[in-house]
Amino acid sequence: MTSLEILDVSKNKIRVIPDEIANLTSLKVLAIQKNKIEKLPICLGDISSLQVLKLDGNPILFPPPEVCAIKDNTPSPSNENEKDAVIATQVKKYMRSFLTREKLRIESEEDERSICAV
C-alpha cells in the first residue's frame, strides 16, 4: 500500500493512528475528522509526501491544540483544503522538532548517567 495517496477514515470512532502509517510513503491526504483521537503519532513528521491533514472533531491533546489550528499571525486560508494544508505543515514541523528534542534529552540523560557511574 505504499502507493496510497488519500486515506479517509473519518467518522469511525478511531482512537489511535498507528505508527505504521509512516509506511504509506506516498500519502498526500490524511482525513481523520470526527473520531476520538487524542494523540497524533510523531511519525507524521516523517511522511514527506503528506500535504493535507484533516483532523477537525477530535479531542487532540498531542500535539498541543495551538499546533493543530491556524495561528493568529498566519494569513487566513481561502478554503478548507488550504487550511488543512497549513495545519499539515505545522503538525509535521512540530513532530520533527519534538523528535529532535526527545533525542537530545535522552542523550543528555545517558551522558549524566555515565558521568554519575564514574
PDB file of N, CA and C in Angstrom:
ATOM      1  N   MET A   1       0.818  -1.202   0.000  1.00  0.00           N
ATOM      2  CA  MET A   1       0.000   0.000   0.000  1.00  0.00           C
ATOM      3  C   MET A   1       0.859   1.262   0.000  1.00  0.00           C
ATOM      4  N   THR A   2       2.089   1.151  -0.401  1.00  0.00           N
ATOM      5  CA  THR A   2       2.950   2.329  -0.401  1.00  0.00           C
ATOM      6  C   THR A   2       2.527   3.363  -1.431  1.00  0.00           C
ATOM      7  N   SER A   3       1.695   2.986  -2.388  1.00  0.00           N
ATOM      8  CA  SER A   3       1.262   3.947  -3.406  1.00  0.00           C
ATOM      9  C   SER A   3      -0.026   4.679  -3.021  1.00  0.00           C
ATOM     10  N   LEU A   4      -0.612   4.377  -1.883  1.00  0.00           N
ATOM     11  CA  LEU A   4      -1.837   5.037  -1.434  1.00  0.00           C
ATOM     12  C   LEU A   4      -1.598   6.525  -1.219  1.00  0.00           C
ATOM     13  N   GLU A   5      -2.408   7.372  -1.834  1.00  0.00           N
ATOM     14  CA  GLU A   5      -2.235   8.819  -1.739  1.00  0.00           C
ATOM     15  C   GLU A   5      -3.269   9.500  -0.854  1.00  0.00           C
ATOM     16  N   ILE A   6      -4.462   8.925  -0.753  1.00  0.00           N
ATOM     17  CA  ILE A   6      -5.535   9.520   0.055  1.00  0.00           C
ATOM     18  C   ILE A   6      -6.097   8.452   0.989  1.00  0.00           C
ATOM     19  N   LEU A   7      -6.117   8.783   2.263  1.00  0.00           N
ATOM     20  CA  LEU A   7      -6.698   7.881   3.262  1.00  0.00           C
ATOM     21  C   LEU A   7      -7.733   8.665   4.049  1.00  0.00           C
ATOM     22  N   ASP A   8      -8.980   8.246   3.953  1.00  0.00           N
ATOM     23  CA  ASP A   8     -10.067   8.903   4.670  1.00  0.00           C
ATOM     24  C   ASP A   8     -10.717   7.895   5.610  1.00  0.00           C
ATOM     25  N   VAL A   9     -10.457   8.079   6.902  1.00  0.00           N
ATOM     26  CA  VAL A   9     -11.056   7.219   7.923  1.00  0.00           C
ATOM     27  C   VAL A   9     -11.906   8.058   8.876  1.00  0.00           C
ATOM     28  N   SER A  10     -12.500   9.090   8.345  1.00  0.00           N
ATOM     29  CA  SER A  10     -13.337   9.989   9.133  1.00  0.00           C
ATOM     30  C   SER A  10     -14.570   9.264   9.657  1.00  0.00           C
ATOM     31  N   LYS A  11     -15.068   9.742  10.800  1.00  0.00           N
ATOM     32  CA  LYS A  11     -16.309   9.249  11.396  1.00  0.00           C
ATOM     33  C   LYS A  11     -16.303   7.742  11.648  1.00  0.00           C
ATOM     34  N   ASN A  12     -15.226   7.241  12.256  1.00  0.00           N
ATOM     35  CA  ASN A  12     -15.124   5.807  12.518  1.00  0.00           C
ATOM     36  C   ASN A  12     -14.838   5.471  13.971  1.00  0.00           C
ATOM     37  N   LYS A  13     -14.937   6.439  14.852  1.00  0.00           N
ATOM     38  CA  LYS A  13     -14.687   6.237  16.289  1.00  0.00           C
ATOM     39  C   LYS A  13     -13.274   5.724  16.572  1.00  0.00           C
ATOM     40  N   ILE A  14     -12.343   6.081  15.694  1.00  0.00           N
ATOM     41  CA  ILE A  14     -10.946   5.665  15.855  1.00  0.00           C
ATOM     42  C   ILE A  14     -10.328   6.429  17.016  1.00  0.00           C
ATOM     43  N   ARG A  15      -9.551   5.732  17.835  1.00  0.00           N
ATOM     44  CA  ARG A  15      -8.881   6.350  18.976  1.00  0.00           C
ATOM     45  C   ARG A  15      -7.385   6.537  18.737  1.00  0.00           C
ATOM     46  N   VAL A  16      -6.800   5.703  17.876  1.00  0.00           N
ATOM     47  CA  VAL A  16      -5.349   5.714  17.684  1.00  0.00           C
ATOM     48  C   VAL A  16      -5.014   5.611  16.200  1.00  0.00           C
ATOM     49  N   ILE A  17      -4.049   6.420  15.786  1.00  0.00           N
ATOM     50  CA  ILE A  17      -3.460   6.285  14.458  1.00  0.00           C
ATOM     51  C   ILE A  17      -2.142   5.535  14.682  1.00  0.00           C
ATOM     52  N   PRO A  18      -1.995   4.350  14.117  1.00  0.00           N
ATOM     53  CA  PRO A  18      -0.786   3.562  14.385  1.00  0.00           C
ATOM     54  C   PRO A  18       0.459   4.164  13.723  1.00  0.00           C
ATOM     55  N   ASP A  19       1.611   3.908  14.319  1.00  0.00           N
ATOM     56  CA  ASP A  19       2.880   4.399  13.773  1.00  0.00           C
ATOM     57  C   ASP A  19       3.144   3.848  12.371  1.00  0.00           C
ATOM     58  N   GLU A  20       2.553   2.731  12.052  1.00  0.00           N
ATOM     59  CA  GLU A  20       2.746   2.133  10.731  1.00  0.00           C
ATOM     60  C   GLU A  20       2.239   3.014   9.604  1.00  0.00           C
ATOM     61  N   ILE A  21       1.511   4.067   9.945  1.00  0.00           N
ATOM     62  CA  ILE A  21       1.047   4.995   8.916  1.00  0.00           C
ATOM     63  C   ILE A  21       2.232   5.603   8.160  1.00  0.00           C
ATOM     64  N   ALA A  22       3.378   5.640   8.806  1.00  0.00           N
ATOM     65  CA  ALA A  22       4.585   6.170   8.158  1.00  0.00           C
ATOM     66  C   ALA A  22       5.019   5.302   6.983  1.00  0.00           C
ATOM     67  N   ASN A  23       4.529   4.073   6.909  1.00  0.00           N
ATOM     68  CA  ASN A  23       4.846   3.198   5.778  1.00  0.00           C
ATOM     69  C   ASN A  23       4.124   3.616   4.507  1.00  0.00           C
ATOM     70  N   LEU A  24       3.132   4.487   4.650  1.00  0.00           N
ATOM     71  CA  LEU A  24       2.400   4.992   3.475  1.00  0.00           C
ATOM     72  C   LEU A  24       3.190   6.168   2.901  1.00  0.00           C
ATOM     73  N   THR A  25       4.249   5.853   2.221  1.00  0.00           N
ATOM     74  CA  THR A  25       5.222   6.864   1.794  1.00  0.00           C
ATOM     75  C   THR A  25       4.722   7.792   0.685  1.00  0.00           C
ATOM     76  N   SER A  26       3.599   7.467   0.065  1.00  0.00           N
ATOM     77  CA  SER A  26       3.031   8.324  -0.978  1.00  0.00           C
ATOM     78  C   SER A  26       1.813   9.104  -0.486  1.00  0.00           C
ATOM     79  N   LEU A  27       1.488   8.968   0.799  1.00  0.00           N
ATOM     80  CA  LEU A  27       0.285   9.579   1.348  1.00  0.00           C
ATOM     81  C   LEU A  27       0.328  11.097   1.228  1.00  0.00           C
ATOM     82  N   LYS A  28      -0.672  11.653   0.567  1.00  0.00           N
ATOM     83  CA  LYS A  28      -0.773  13.109   0.392  1.00  0.00           C
ATOM     84  C   LYS A  28      -1.865  13.708   1.269  1.00  0.00           C
ATOM     85  N   VAL A  29      -2.957  12.965   1.428  1.00  0.00           N
ATOM     86  CA  VAL A  29      -4.105  13.467   2.197  1.00  0.00           C
ATOM     87  C   VAL A  29      -4.475  12.443   3.253  1.00  0.00           C
ATOM     88  N   LEU A  30      -4.520  12.909   4.505  1.00  0.00           N
ATOM     89  CA  LEU A  30      -4.970  12.064   5.613  1.00  0.00           C
ATOM     90  C   LEU A  30      -6.175  12.749   6.253  1.00  0.00           C
ATOM     91  N   ALA A  31      -7.329  12.130   6.100  1.00  0.00           N
ATOM     92  CA  ALA A  31      -8.572  12.668   6.655  1.00  0.00           C
ATOM     93  C   ALA A  31      -8.987  11.790   7.839  1.00  0.00           C
ATOM     94  N   ILE A  32      -8.927  12.386   9.027  1.00  0.00           N
ATOM     95  CA  ILE A  32      -9.261  11.633  10.247  1.00  0.00           C
ATOM     96  C   ILE A  32     -10.296  12.393  11.086  1.00  0.00           C
ATOM     97  N   GLN A  33     -11.084  13.233  10.443  1.00  0.00           N
ATOM     98  CA  GLN A  33     -12.043  14.059  11.174  1.00  0.00           C
ATOM     99  C   GLN A  33     -13.073  13.206  11.911  1.00  0.00           C
ATOM    100  N   LYS A  34     -13.589  13.831  12.968  1.00  0.00           N
ATOM    101  CA  LYS A  34     -14.711  13.291  13.737  1.00  0.00           C
ATOM    102  C   LYS A  34     -14.471  11.857  14.207  1.00  0.00           C
ATOM    103  N   ASN A  35     -13.333  11.672  14.884  1.00  0.00           N
ATOM    104  CA  ASN A  35     -13.023  10.409  15.537  1.00  0.00           C
ATOM    105  C   ASN A  35     -12.803  10.700  17.013  1.00  0.00           C
ATOM    106  N   LYS A  36     -12.068   9.867  17.690  1.00  0.00           N
ATOM    107  CA  LYS A  36     -11.813  10.043  19.123  1.00  0.00           C
ATOM    108  C   LYS A  36     -10.303  10.075  19.390  1.00  0.00           C
ATOM    109  N   ILE A  37      -9.566  10.634  18.456  1.00  0.00           N
ATOM    110  CA  ILE A  37      -8.110  10.642  18.523  1.00  0.00           C
ATOM    111  C   ILE A  37      -7.622  11.739  19.463  1.00  0.00           C
ATOM    112  N   GLU A  38      -6.817  11.340  20.455  1.00  0.00           N
ATOM    113  CA  GLU A  38      -6.250  12.295  21.406  1.00  0.00           C
ATOM    114  C   GLU A  38      -4.786  12.594  21.123  1.00  0.00           C
ATOM    115  N   LYS A  39      -4.118  11.646  20.468  1.00  0.00           N
ATOM    116  CA  LYS A  39      -2.684  11.812  20.238  1.00  0.00           C
ATOM    117  C   LYS A  39      -2.346  11.431  18.801  1.00  0.00           C
ATOM    118  N   LEU A  40      -1.674  12.345  18.106  1.00  0.00           N
ATOM    119  CA  LEU A  40      -1.198  12.040  16.765  1.00  0.00           C
ATOM    120  C   LEU A  40       0.183  11.397  16.872  1.00  0.00           C
ATOM    121  N   PRO A  41       0.479  10.448  15.997  1.00  0.00           N
ATOM    122  CA  PRO A  41       1.789   9.802  16.068  1.00  0.00           C
ATOM    123  C   PRO A  41       2.903  10.744  15.619  1.00  0.00           C
ATOM    124  N   ILE A  42       4.027  10.675  16.290  1.00  0.00           N
ATOM    125  CA  ILE A  42       5.177  11.525  15.968  1.00  0.00           C
ATOM    126  C   ILE A  42       5.652  11.267  14.549  1.00  0.00           C
ATOM    127  N   CYS A  43       5.469  10.060  14.065  1.00  0.00           N
ATOM    128  CA  CYS A  43       5.950   9.693  12.736  1.00  0.00           C
ATOM    129  C   CYS A  43       5.278  10.479  11.613  1.00  0.00           C
ATOM    130  N   LEU A  44       4.208  11.217  11.899  1.00  0.00           N
ATOM    131  CA  LEU A  44       3.605  12.058  10.853  1.00  0.00           C
ATOM    132  C   LEU A  44       4.633  13.043  10.295  1.00  0.00           C
ATOM    133  N   GLY A  45       5.568  13.442  11.142  1.00  0.00           N
ATOM    134  CA  GLY A  45       6.612  14.356  10.700  1.00  0.00           C
ATOM    135  C   GLY A  45       7.535  13.752   9.668  1.00  0.00           C
ATOM    136  N   ASP A  46       7.529  12.424   9.559  1.00  0.00           N
ATOM    137  CA  ASP A  46       8.398  11.726   8.617  1.00  0.00           C
ATOM    138  C   ASP A  46       7.749  11.469   7.258  1.00  0.00           C
ATOM    139  N   ILE A  47       6.470  11.744   7.129  1.00  0.00           N
ATOM    140  CA  ILE A  47       5.782  11.486   5.861  1.00  0.00           C
ATOM    141  C   ILE A  47       5.931  12.727   4.982  1.00  0.00           C
ATOM    142  N   SER A  48       7.000  12.755   4.218  1.00  0.00           N
ATOM    143  CA  SER A  48       7.322  13.956   3.436  1.00  0.00           C
ATOM    144  C   SER A  48       6.272  14.271   2.381  1.00  0.00           C
ATOM    145  N   SER A  49       5.554  13.270   1.905  1.00  0.00           N
ATOM    146  CA  SER A  49       4.543  13.492   0.870  1.00  0.00           C
ATOM    147  C   SER A  49       3.241  14.081   1.423  1.00  0.00           C
ATOM    148  N   LEU A  50       3.031  14.015   2.751  1.00  0.00           N
ATOM    149  CA  LEU A  50       1.779  14.471   3.353  1.00  0.00           C
ATOM    150  C   LEU A  50       1.586  15.970   3.159  1.00  0.00           C
ATOM    151  N   GLN A  51       0.511  16.338   2.490  1.00  0.00           N
ATOM    152  CA  GLN A  51       0.227  17.735   2.178  1.00  0.00           C
ATOM    153  C   GLN A  51      -1.005  18.273   2.889  1.00  0.00           C
ATOM    154  N   VAL A  52      -1.972  17.406   3.145  1.00  0.00           N
ATOM    155  CA  VAL A  52      -3.242  17.841   3.736  1.00  0.00           C
ATOM    156  C   VAL A  52      -3.577  16.925   4.914  1.00  0.00           C
ATOM    157  N   LEU A  53      -3.863  17.554   6.054  1.00  0.00           N
ATOM    158  CA  LEU A  53      -4.231  16.821   7.264  1.00  0.00           C
ATOM    159  C   LEU A  53      -5.556  17.374   7.768  1.00  0.00           C
ATOM    160  N   LYS A  54      -6.593  16.559   7.661  1.00  0.00           N
ATOM    161  CA  LYS A  54      -7.937  16.951   8.094  1.00  0.00           C
ATOM    162  C   LYS A  54      -8.203  16.272   9.433  1.00  0.00           C
ATOM    163  N   LEU A  55      -8.262  17.079  10.507  1.00  0.00           N
ATOM    164  CA  LEU A  55      -8.402  16.465  11.827  1.00  0.00           C
ATOM    165  C   LEU A  55      -9.441  17.118  12.720  1.00  0.00           C
ATOM    166  N   ASP A  56     -10.287  17.953  12.182  1.00  0.00           N
ATOM    167  CA  ASP A  56     -11.344  18.581  12.983  1.00  0.00           C
ATOM    168  C   ASP A  56     -12.221  17.521  13.658  1.00  0.00           C
ATOM    169  N   GLY A  57     -12.732  17.870  14.830  1.00  0.00           N
ATOM    170  CA  GLY A  57     -13.670  16.982  15.516  1.00  0.00           C
ATOM    171  C   GLY A  57     -13.021  15.865  16.298  1.00  0.00           C
ATOM    172  N   ASN A  58     -11.755  16.033  16.665  1.00  0.00           N
ATOM    173  CA  ASN A  58     -11.052  15.080  17.518  1.00  0.00           C
ATOM    174  C   ASN A  58     -10.614  15.794  18.792  1.00  0.00           C
ATOM    175  N   PRO A  59     -10.609  15.101  19.923  1.00  0.00           N
ATOM    176  CA  PRO A  59     -10.166  15.728  21.178  1.00  0.00           C
ATOM    177  C   PRO A  59      -8.633  15.666  21.322  1.00  0.00           C
ATOM    178  N   ILE A  60      -7.915  16.218  20.362  1.00  0.00           N
ATOM    179  CA  ILE A  60      -6.460  16.088  20.313  1.00  0.00           C
ATOM    180  C   ILE A  60      -5.786  16.840  21.456  1.00  0.00           C
ATOM    181  N   LEU A  61      -4.929  16.104  22.168  1.00  0.00           N
ATOM    182  CA  LEU A  61      -4.127  16.663  23.261  1.00  0.00           C
ATOM    183  C   LEU A  61      -2.657  16.794  22.858  1.00  0.00           C
ATOM    184  N   PHE A  62      -2.209  15.929  21.936  1.00  0.00           N
ATOM    185  CA  PHE A  62      -0.836  15.987  21.433  1.00  0.00           C
ATOM    186  C   PHE A  62      -0.857  15.811  19.929  1.00  0.00           C
ATOM    187  N   PRO A  63      -0.222  16.707  19.212  1.00  0.00           N
ATOM    188  CA  PRO A  63       0.483  17.887  19.687  1.00  0.00           C
ATOM    189  C   PRO A  63      -0.488  18.887  20.314  1.00  0.00           C
ATOM    190  N   PRO A  64       0.058  19.900  20.979  1.00  0.00           N
ATOM    191  CA  PRO A  64      -0.822  20.886  21.623  1.00  0.00           C
ATOM    192  C   PRO A  64      -1.828  21.483  20.635  1.00  0.00           C
ATOM    193  N   PRO A  65      -3.005  21.839  21.130  1.00  0.00           N
ATOM    194  CA  PRO A  65      -4.065  22.355  20.261  1.00  0.00           C
ATOM    195  C   PRO A  65      -3.642  23.514  19.355  1.00  0.00           C
ATOM    196  N   GLU A  66      -2.736  24.368  19.840  1.00  0.00           N
ATOM    197  CA  GLU A  66      -2.332  25.509  19.005  1.00  0.00           C
ATOM    198  C   GLU A  66      -1.553  25.073  17.765  1.00  0.00           C
ATOM    199  N   VAL A  67      -0.972  23.893  17.794  1.00  0.00           N
ATOM    200  CA  VAL A  67      -0.257  23.369  16.624  1.00  0.00           C
ATOM    201  C   VAL A  67      -1.258  22.864  15.588  1.00  0.00           C
ATOM    202  N   CYS A  68      -2.414  22.421  16.063  1.00  0.00           N
ATOM    203  CA  CYS A  68      -3.437  21.833  15.194  1.00  0.00           C
ATOM    204  C   CYS A  68      -4.472  22.850  14.722  1.00  0.00           C
ATOM    205  N   ALA A  69      -4.146  24.117  14.829  1.00  0.00           N
ATOM    206  CA  ALA A  69      -5.070  25.176  14.408  1.00  0.00           C
ATOM    207  C   ALA A  69      -4.288  26.244  13.648  1.00  0.00           C
ATOM    208  N   ILE A  70      -5.001  27.071  12.936  1.00  0.00           N
ATOM    209  CA  ILE A  70      -4.371  28.175  12.220  1.00  0.00           C
ATOM    210  C   ILE A  70      -3.930  29.216  13.239  1.00  0.00           C
ATOM    211  N   LYS A  71      -2.677  29.595  13.152  1.00  0.00           N
ATOM    212  CA  LYS A  71      -2.133  30.577  14.084  1.00  0.00           C
ATOM    213  C   LYS A  71      -2.635  31.971  13.729  1.00  0.00           C
ATOM    214  N   ASP A  72      -2.731  32.817  14.760  1.00  0.00           N
ATOM    215  CA  ASP A  72      -3.255  34.171  14.568  1.00  0.00           C
ATOM    216  C   ASP A  72      -2.444  34.988  13.569  1.00  0.00           C
ATOM    217  N   ASN A  73      -1.133  34.765  13.526  1.00  0.00           N
ATOM    218  CA  ASN A  73      -0.288  35.560  12.643  1.00  0.00           C
ATOM    219  C   ASN A  73      -0.172  34.983  11.232  1.00  0.00           C
ATOM    220  N   THR A  74      -0.895  33.888  10.967  1.00  0.00           N
ATOM    221  CA  THR A  74      -0.892  33.260   9.648  1.00  0.00           C
ATOM    222  C   THR A  74      -2.011  33.869   8.812  1.00  0.00           C
ATOM    223  N   PRO A  75      -1.728  34.199   7.549  1.00  0.00           N
ATOM    224  CA  PRO A  75      -2.797  34.714   6.687  1.00  0.00           C
ATOM    225  C   PRO A  75      -3.956  33.719   6.621  1.00  0.00           C
ATOM    226  N   SER A  76      -5.149  34.240   6.636  1.00  0.00           N
ATOM    227  CA  SER A  76      -6.337  33.387   6.643  1.00  0.00           C
ATOM    228  C   SER A  76      -6.446  32.603   5.335  1.00  0.00           C
ATOM    229  N   PRO A  77      -6.533  31.266   5.427  1.00  0.00           N
ATOM    230  CA  PRO A  77      -6.652  30.444   4.219  1.00  0.00           C
ATOM    231  C   PRO A  77      -7.952  30.732   3.488  1.00  0.00           C
ATOM    232  N   SER A  78      -7.928  30.603   2.180  1.00  0.00           N
ATOM    233  CA  SER A  78      -9.109  30.932   1.382  1.00  0.00           C
ATOM    234  C   SER A  78     -10.130  29.795   1.340  1.00  0.00           C
ATOM    235  N   ASN A  79      -9.705  28.550   1.653  1.00  0.00           N
ATOM    236  CA  ASN A  79     -10.661  27.442   1.656  1.00  0.00           C
ATOM    237  C   ASN A  79     -10.201  26.367   2.640  1.00  0.00           C
ATOM    238  N   GLU A  80     -11.031  25.343   2.821  1.00  0.00           N
ATOM    239  CA  GLU A  80     -10.741  24.281   3.796  1.00  0.00           C
ATOM    240  C   GLU A  80      -9.471  23.505   3.464  1.00  0.00           C
ATOM    241  N   ASN A  81      -9.267  23.182   2.187  1.00  0.00           N
ATOM    242  CA  ASN A  81      -8.065  22.425   1.817  1.00  0.00           C
ATOM    243  C   ASN A  81      -6.802  23.218   2.108  1.00  0.00           C
ATOM    244  N   GLU A  82      -6.846  24.516   1.873  1.00  0.00           N
ATOM    245  CA  GLU A  82      -5.688  25.355   2.172  1.00  0.00           C
ATOM    246  C   GLU A  82      -5.440  25.387   3.673  1.00  0.00           C
ATOM    247  N   LYS A  83      -6.503  25.485   4.450  1.00  0.00           N
ATOM    248  CA  LYS A  83      -6.400  25.454   5.915  1.00  0.00           C
ATOM    249  C   LYS A  83      -5.779  24.135   6.364  1.00  0.00           C
ATOM    250  N   ASP A  84      -6.253  23.032   5.820  1.00  0.00           N
ATOM    251  CA  ASP A  84      -5.753  21.714   6.192  1.00  0.00           C
ATOM    252  C   ASP A  84      -4.306  21.512   5.748  1.00  0.00           C
ATOM    253  N   ALA A  85      -3.905  22.178   4.678  1.00  0.00           N
ATOM    254  CA  ALA A  85      -2.510  22.111   4.224  1.00  0.00           C
ATOM    255  C   ALA A  85      -1.596  22.872   5.186  1.00  0.00           C
ATOM    256  N   VAL A  86      -2.061  24.023   5.669  1.00  0.00           N
ATOM    257  CA  VAL A  86      -1.282  24.800   6.642  1.00  0.00           C
ATOM    258  C   VAL A  86      -1.125  23.990   7.928  1.00  0.00           C
ATOM    259  N   ILE A  87      -2.201  23.376   8.364  1.00  0.00           N
ATOM    260  CA  ILE A  87      -2.162  22.564   9.589  1.00  0.00           C
ATOM    261  C   ILE A  87      -1.213  21.372   9.404  1.00  0.00           C
ATOM    262  N   ALA A  88      -1.250  20.734   8.239  1.00  0.00           N
ATOM    263  CA  ALA A  88      -0.342  19.611   7.971  1.00  0.00           C
ATOM    264  C   ALA A  88       1.108  20.056   8.107  1.00  0.00           C
ATOM    265  N   THR A  89       1.418  21.217   7.558  1.00  0.00           N
ATOM    266  CA  THR A  89       2.781  21.745   7.638  1.00  0.00           C
ATOM    267  C   THR A  89       3.173  22.018   9.081  1.00  0.00           C
ATOM    268  N   GLN A  90       2.279  22.630   9.845  1.00  0.00           N
ATOM    269  CA  GLN A  90       2.559  22.938  11.256  1.00  0.00           C
ATOM    270  C   GLN A  90       2.772  21.668  12.075  1.00  0.00           C
ATOM    271  N   VAL A  91       1.904  20.680  11.881  1.00  0.00           N
ATOM    272  CA  VAL A  91       1.991  19.431  12.641  1.00  0.00           C
ATOM    273  C   VAL A  91       3.286  18.695  12.295  1.00  0.00           C
ATOM    274  N   LYS A  92       3.603  18.590  11.007  1.00  0.00           N
ATOM    275  CA  LYS A  92       4.826  17.894  10.602  1.00  0.00           C
ATOM    276  C   LYS A  92       6.062  18.586  11.176  1.00  0.00           C
ATOM    277  N   LYS A  93       6.086  19.902  11.113  1.00  0.00           N
ATOM    278  CA  LYS A  93       7.226  20.659  11.648  1.00  0.00           C
ATOM    279  C   LYS A  93       7.348  20.439  13.155  1.00  0.00           C
ATOM    280  N   TYR A  94       6.225  20.488  13.872  1.00  0.00           N
ATOM    281  CA  TYR A  94       6.234  20.270  15.321  1.00  0.00           C
ATOM    282  C   TYR A  94       6.742  18.871  15.653  1.00  0.00           C
ATOM    283  N   MET A  95       6.255  17.862  14.936  1.00  0.00           N
ATOM    284  CA  MET A  95       6.640  16.482  15.222  1.00  0.00           C
ATOM    285  C   MET A  95       8.137  16.274  14.990  1.00  0.00           C
ATOM    286  N   ARG A  96       8.676  16.840  13.915  1.00  0.00           N
ATOM    287  CA  ARG A  96      10.115  16.714  13.668  1.00  0.00           C
ATOM    288  C   ARG A  96      10.913  17.397  14.777  1.00  0.00           C
ATOM    289  N   SER A  97      10.466  18.566  15.187  1.00  0.00           N
ATOM    290  CA  SER A  97      11.126  19.307  16.258  1.00  0.00           C
ATOM    291  C   SER A  97      11.033  18.540  17.580  1.00  0.00           C
ATOM    292  N   PHE A  98       9.879  17.996  17.870  1.00  0.00           N
ATOM    293  CA  PHE A  98       9.662  17.230  19.098  1.00  0.00           C
ATOM    294  C   PHE A  98      10.602  16.029  19.137  1.00  0.00           C
ATOM    295  N   LEU A  99      10.702  15.325  18.027  1.00  0.00           N
ATOM    296  CA  LEU A  99      11.561  14.147  17.968  1.00  0.00           C
ATOM    297  C   LEU A  99      13.022  14.522  18.200  1.00  0.00           C
ATOM    298  N   THR A 100      13.455  15.621  17.623  1.00  0.00           N
ATOM    299  CA  THR A 100      14.826  16.100  17.821  1.00  0.00           C
ATOM    300  C   THR A 100      15.070  16.426  19.287  1.00  0.00           C
ATOM    301  N   ARG A 101      14.121  17.137  19.924  1.00  0.00           N
ATOM    302  CA  ARG A 101      14.263  17.476  21.345  1.00  0.00           C
ATOM    303  C   ARG A 101      14.313  16.219  22.208  1.00  0.00           C
ATOM    304  N   GLU A 102      13.490  15.231  21.891  1.00  0.00           N
ATOM    305  CA  GLU A 102      13.470  13.985  22.664  1.00  0.00           C
ATOM    306  C   GLU A 102      14.804  13.252  22.543  1.00  0.00           C
ATOM    307  N   LYS A 103      15.347  13.201  21.339  1.00  0.00           N
ATOM    308  CA  LYS A 103      16.641  12.540  21.145  1.00  0.00           C
ATOM    309  C   LYS A 103      17.718  13.242  21.957  1.00  0.00           C
ATOM    310  N   LEU A 104      17.728  14.568  21.943  1.00  0.00           N
ATOM    311  CA  LEU A 104      18.709  15.333  22.707  1.00  0.00           C
ATOM    312  C   LEU A 104      18.536  15.103  24.207  1.00  0.00           C
ATOM    313  N   ARG A 105      17.290  15.044  24.674  1.00  0.00           N
ATOM    314  CA  ARG A 105      17.013  14.808  26.087  1.00  0.00           C
ATOM    315  C   ARG A 105      17.528  13.438  26.512  1.00  0.00           C
ATOM    316  N   ILE A 106      17.276  12.435  25.697  1.00  0.00           N
ATOM    317  CA  ILE A 106      17.716  11.073  26.008  1.00  0.00           C
ATOM    318  C   ILE A 106      19.243  10.995  26.030  1.00  0.00           C
ATOM    319  N   GLU A 107      19.876  11.623  25.050  1.00  0.00           N
ATOM    320  CA  GLU A 107      21.348  11.640  25.017  1.00  0.00           C
ATOM    321  C   GLU A 107      21.904  12.331  26.254  1.00  0.00           C
ATOM    322  N   SER A 108      21.276  13.421  26.661  1.00  0.00           N
ATOM    323  CA  SER A 108      21.720  14.156  27.837  1.00  0.00           C
ATOM    324  C   SER A 108      21.584  13.302  29.094  1.00  0.00           C
ATOM    325  N   GLU A 109      20.467  12.593  29.226  1.00  0.00           N
ATOM    326  CA  GLU A 109      20.257  11.713  30.374  1.00  0.00           C
ATOM    327  C   GLU A 109      21.292  10.587  30.391  1.00  0.00           C
ATOM    328  N   GLU A 110      21.598  10.053  29.224  1.00  0.00           N
ATOM    329  CA  GLU A 110      22.600   8.994  29.144  1.00  0.00           C
ATOM    330  C   GLU A 110      23.975   9.524  29.546  1.00  0.00           C
ATOM    331  N   ASP A 111      24.290  10.736  29.105  1.00  0.00           N
ATOM    332  CA  ASP A 111      25.564  11.362  29.479  1.00  0.00           C
ATOM    333  C   ASP A 111      25.640  11.548  30.989  1.00  0.00           C
ATOM    334  N   GLU A 112      24.553  12.031  31.594  1.00  0.00           N
ATOM    335  CA  GLU A 112      24.521  12.236  33.033  1.00  0.00           C
ATOM    336  C   GLU A 112      24.722  10.926  33.782  1.00  0.00           C
ATOM    337  N   ARG A 113      24.075   9.864  33.305  1.00  0.00           N
ATOM    338  CA  ARG A 113      24.216   8.561  33.944  1.00  0.00           C
ATOM    339  C   ARG A 113      25.649   8.043  33.849  1.00  0.00           C
ATOM    340  N   SER A 114      26.275   8.253  32.696  1.00  0.00           N
ATOM    341  CA  SER A 114      27.649   7.771  32.545  1.00  0.00           C
ATOM    342  C   SER A 114      28.620   8.584  33.422  1.00  0.00           C
ATOM    343  N   ILE A 115      28.346   9.864  33.607  1.00  0.00           N
ATOM    344  CA  ILE A 115      29.178  10.696  34.474  1.00  0.00           C
ATOM    345  C   ILE A 115      29.009  10.250  35.926  1.00  0.00           C
ATOM    346  N   CYS A 116      27.768   9.977  36.324  1.00  0.00           N
ATOM    347  CA  CYS A 116      27.486   9.554  37.712  1.00  0.00           C
ATOM    348  C   CYS A 116      28.065   8.178  37.993  1.00  0.00           C
ATOM    349  N   ALA A 117      28.207   7.358  36.975  1.00  0.00           N
ATOM    350  CA  ALA A 117      28.718   5.990  37.164  1.00  0.00           C
ATOM    351  C   ALA A 117      30.219   5.978  37.387  1.00  0.00           C
ATOM    352  N   VAL A 118      30.885   7.081  37.074  1.00  0.00           N
ATOM    353  CA  VAL A 118      32.350   7.132  37.206  1.00  0.00           C
ATOM    354  C   VAL A 118      32.770   7.347  38.623  1.00  0.00           C
TER     355      VAL A 118
END
